[in-house]
Protein backbone atom coordinates (compact mmCIF):
# COMPACT_ATOMS: atom_id res chain seq x y z
CA UNK A 1 3.26 -10.44 3.77
CA UNK A 2 4.11 -6.86 4.72
CA UNK A 3 5.35 -7.62 8.23
CA UNK A 4 3.43 -4.75 9.81
CA UNK A 5 1.24 -5.34 12.85
CA UNK A 6 -2.21 -3.86 13.17
CA UNK A 7 -1.10 -1.72 16.14
CA UNK A 8 1.71 -0.17 14.12
CA UNK A 9 -0.67 0.24 11.16
CA UNK A 10 -3.17 2.15 13.27
CA UNK A 11 -0.41 4.36 14.71
CA UNK A 12 0.84 5.06 11.18
CA UNK A 13 -2.64 6.05 9.97
CA UNK A 14 -3.11 8.32 12.97
CA UNK A 15 0.28 9.92 12.32
CA UNK A 16 -0.54 10.42 8.64
CA UNK A 17 -3.86 11.98 9.58
CA UNK A 18 -2.22 14.39 12.01
CA UNK A 19 0.43 15.41 9.48
CA UNK A 20 -2.17 15.85 6.72
CA UNK A 21 -4.62 17.89 8.80
CA UNK A 22 -2.94 19.66 11.70
CA UNK A 23 0.46 19.78 10.01
CA UNK A 24 -1.09 20.89 6.70
CA UNK A 25 0.93 18.29 4.77
CA UNK A 26 4.24 19.64 6.08
CA UNK A 27 5.95 16.33 5.22
CA UNK A 28 4.02 15.00 2.23
CA UNK A 29 6.32 12.05 1.46
CA UNK A 30 6.22 11.00 5.12
CA UNK A 31 2.43 11.21 5.02
CA UNK A 32 2.36 8.93 1.97
CA UNK A 33 4.78 6.47 3.61
CA UNK A 34 2.76 6.42 6.83
CA UNK A 35 -0.46 5.87 4.86
CA UNK A 36 1.11 2.98 2.94
CA UNK A 37 2.40 1.46 6.18
CA UNK A 38 -0.92 1.93 7.94
CA UNK A 39 -2.84 0.38 5.09
CA UNK A 40 -0.44 -2.59 4.98
CA UNK A 41 -0.81 -3.12 8.73
CA UNK A 42 -4.57 -2.83 8.77
CA UNK A 43 -4.93 -5.10 5.73
CA UNK A 44 -2.78 -7.65 7.55
CA UNK A 45 -5.32 -7.59 10.37
CA UNK A 46 -8.69 -9.24 10.77
CA UNK A 47 -10.50 -7.86 7.72
CA UNK A 48 -7.50 -8.11 5.41
CA UNK A 49 -8.44 -11.56 4.11
CA UNK A 50 -11.90 -10.25 3.17
CA UNK A 51 -10.35 -7.38 1.19
CA UNK A 52 -7.93 -9.75 -0.55
CA UNK A 53 -10.85 -12.06 -1.33
CA UNK A 54 -12.79 -9.17 -2.89
CA UNK A 55 -9.79 -8.16 -5.01
CA UNK A 56 -9.32 -11.78 -6.09
CA UNK A 57 -12.99 -11.99 -7.10
CA UNK A 58 -12.63 -8.86 -9.23
CA UNK A 59 -9.50 -10.36 -10.79
CA UNK A 60 -11.32 -13.63 -11.56
CA UNK A 61 -14.35 -11.78 -12.94
CA UNK A 62 -12.09 -9.81 -15.28
CA UNK A 63 -10.46 -13.07 -16.33
CA UNK A 64 -13.83 -14.65 -17.12
CA UNK A 65 -15.14 -11.59 -18.91
CA UNK A 66 -12.26 -11.11 -21.33
CA UNK A 67 -10.44 -14.42 -21.17
CA UNK A 68 -8.02 -15.84 -18.62
CA UNK A 69 -4.76 -14.59 -20.14
CA UNK A 70 -6.20 -11.28 -21.29
CA UNK A 71 -7.86 -10.72 -17.89
CA UNK A 72 -4.62 -11.39 -16.03
CA UNK A 73 -2.72 -9.05 -18.33
CA UNK A 74 -5.43 -6.37 -18.09
CA UNK A 75 -5.64 -6.45 -14.30
CA UNK A 76 -1.83 -6.66 -14.05
CA UNK A 77 -1.53 -3.59 -16.26
CA UNK A 78 -3.97 -1.73 -14.04
CA UNK A 79 -1.81 -2.64 -11.04
CA UNK A 80 1.38 -1.56 -12.82
CA UNK A 81 -0.18 1.72 -13.93
CA UNK A 82 -1.45 2.52 -10.42
CA UNK A 83 1.94 1.74 -8.86
CA UNK A 84 3.79 3.65 -11.61
CA UNK A 85 1.64 6.77 -11.35
CA UNK A 86 1.85 6.65 -7.55
CA UNK A 87 5.67 6.39 -7.69
CA UNK A 88 5.90 9.30 -10.15
CA UNK A 89 3.69 11.49 -7.97
CA UNK A 90 5.84 10.69 -4.94
CA UNK A 91 9.10 11.22 -6.85
CA UNK A 92 8.02 14.57 -8.29
CA UNK A 93 6.53 15.74 -5.00
CA UNK A 94 3.01 16.06 -6.43
CA UNK A 95 1.48 14.77 -3.23
CA UNK A 96 -2.08 15.68 -2.36
CA UNK A 97 -5.03 13.79 -0.91
CA UNK A 98 -5.39 11.86 -4.18
CA UNK A 99 -1.84 10.54 -3.77
CA UNK A 100 -2.53 9.67 -0.14
CA UNK A 101 -5.64 7.73 -1.21
CA UNK A 102 -3.65 5.79 -3.78
CA UNK A 103 -1.03 5.09 -1.09
CA UNK A 104 -3.73 3.41 0.95
CA UNK A 105 -4.72 1.22 -2.02
CA UNK A 106 -1.19 0.17 -3.03
CA UNK A 107 -0.97 -2.89 -0.70
CA UNK A 108 -4.10 -4.32 -2.36
CA UNK A 109 -3.38 -3.35 -5.95
CA UNK A 110 0.21 -4.53 -5.94
CA UNK A 111 -0.93 -8.14 -5.51
CA UNK A 112 -2.63 -7.98 -8.91
CA UNK A 113 0.66 -7.69 -10.80
CA UNK A 114 1.59 -11.17 -12.03
CA UNK A 115 4.96 -12.85 -12.38
CA UNK A 116 8.39 -11.40 -11.85
CA UNK A 117 7.14 -7.82 -12.20
CA UNK A 118 4.76 -8.39 -9.29
CA UNK A 119 7.47 -9.97 -7.16
CA UNK A 120 9.85 -7.07 -7.81
CA UNK A 121 7.11 -4.49 -7.16
CA UNK A 122 6.15 -6.14 -3.86
CA UNK A 123 9.81 -6.28 -2.80
CA UNK A 124 10.60 -2.66 -3.71
CA UNK A 125 7.39 -1.11 -2.38
CA UNK A 126 7.42 -3.46 0.62
CA UNK A 127 10.64 -1.89 1.88
CA UNK A 128 8.75 1.30 2.77
CA UNK A 129 6.39 -0.29 5.33
CA UNK A 130 9.24 -2.40 6.71
CA UNK A 131 11.36 0.67 7.45
CA UNK A 132 8.50 2.84 8.73
CA UNK A 133 7.05 0.08 10.92
CA UNK A 134 10.51 -0.61 12.32
CA UNK A 135 10.91 3.04 13.27
CA UNK A 136 7.42 3.19 14.80
CA UNK A 137 8.15 0.01 16.73
CA UNK A 138 11.37 1.52 18.06
CA UNK A 139 9.64 4.74 19.09
CA UNK A 140 6.53 3.25 20.71
CA UNK A 141 7.39 -0.31 21.67
CA UNK A 142 11.14 -0.24 22.21
CA UNK A 143 11.82 -2.96 19.64
CA UNK A 144 12.32 -2.99 15.87
CA UNK A 145 8.94 -3.77 14.29
CA UNK A 146 5.73 -3.94 16.19
């Protein structure tokens, strides 16, 4: 779905870790973008389906606990709130380790948003890993992507 390979995802996570620790968060927005890209790549790998299955089970459990429509709306609202708060933190430059942690969760949480809002959110947020993975692919592999 994200179009990021596991190799590029691992490189992105390593880069984010170096910037966050050695670089002392010198480029906080880049760190968040690398974390998002790394998470998307790693989730697309071998244990990604297990994580998606776990998220789907939580979604179904919420639907059974409070009703199908209410559960979908509730879980969708949680996804929208997480994405909205994350975007505001990034926009206002309030980037710390909490923001980086949410960046890692965005590729999983974004799938919970139903309907057109979910499609738009996936498209808009999905541009970040596409661009970052393309640049990493150019730098390390000599081709766009990875």
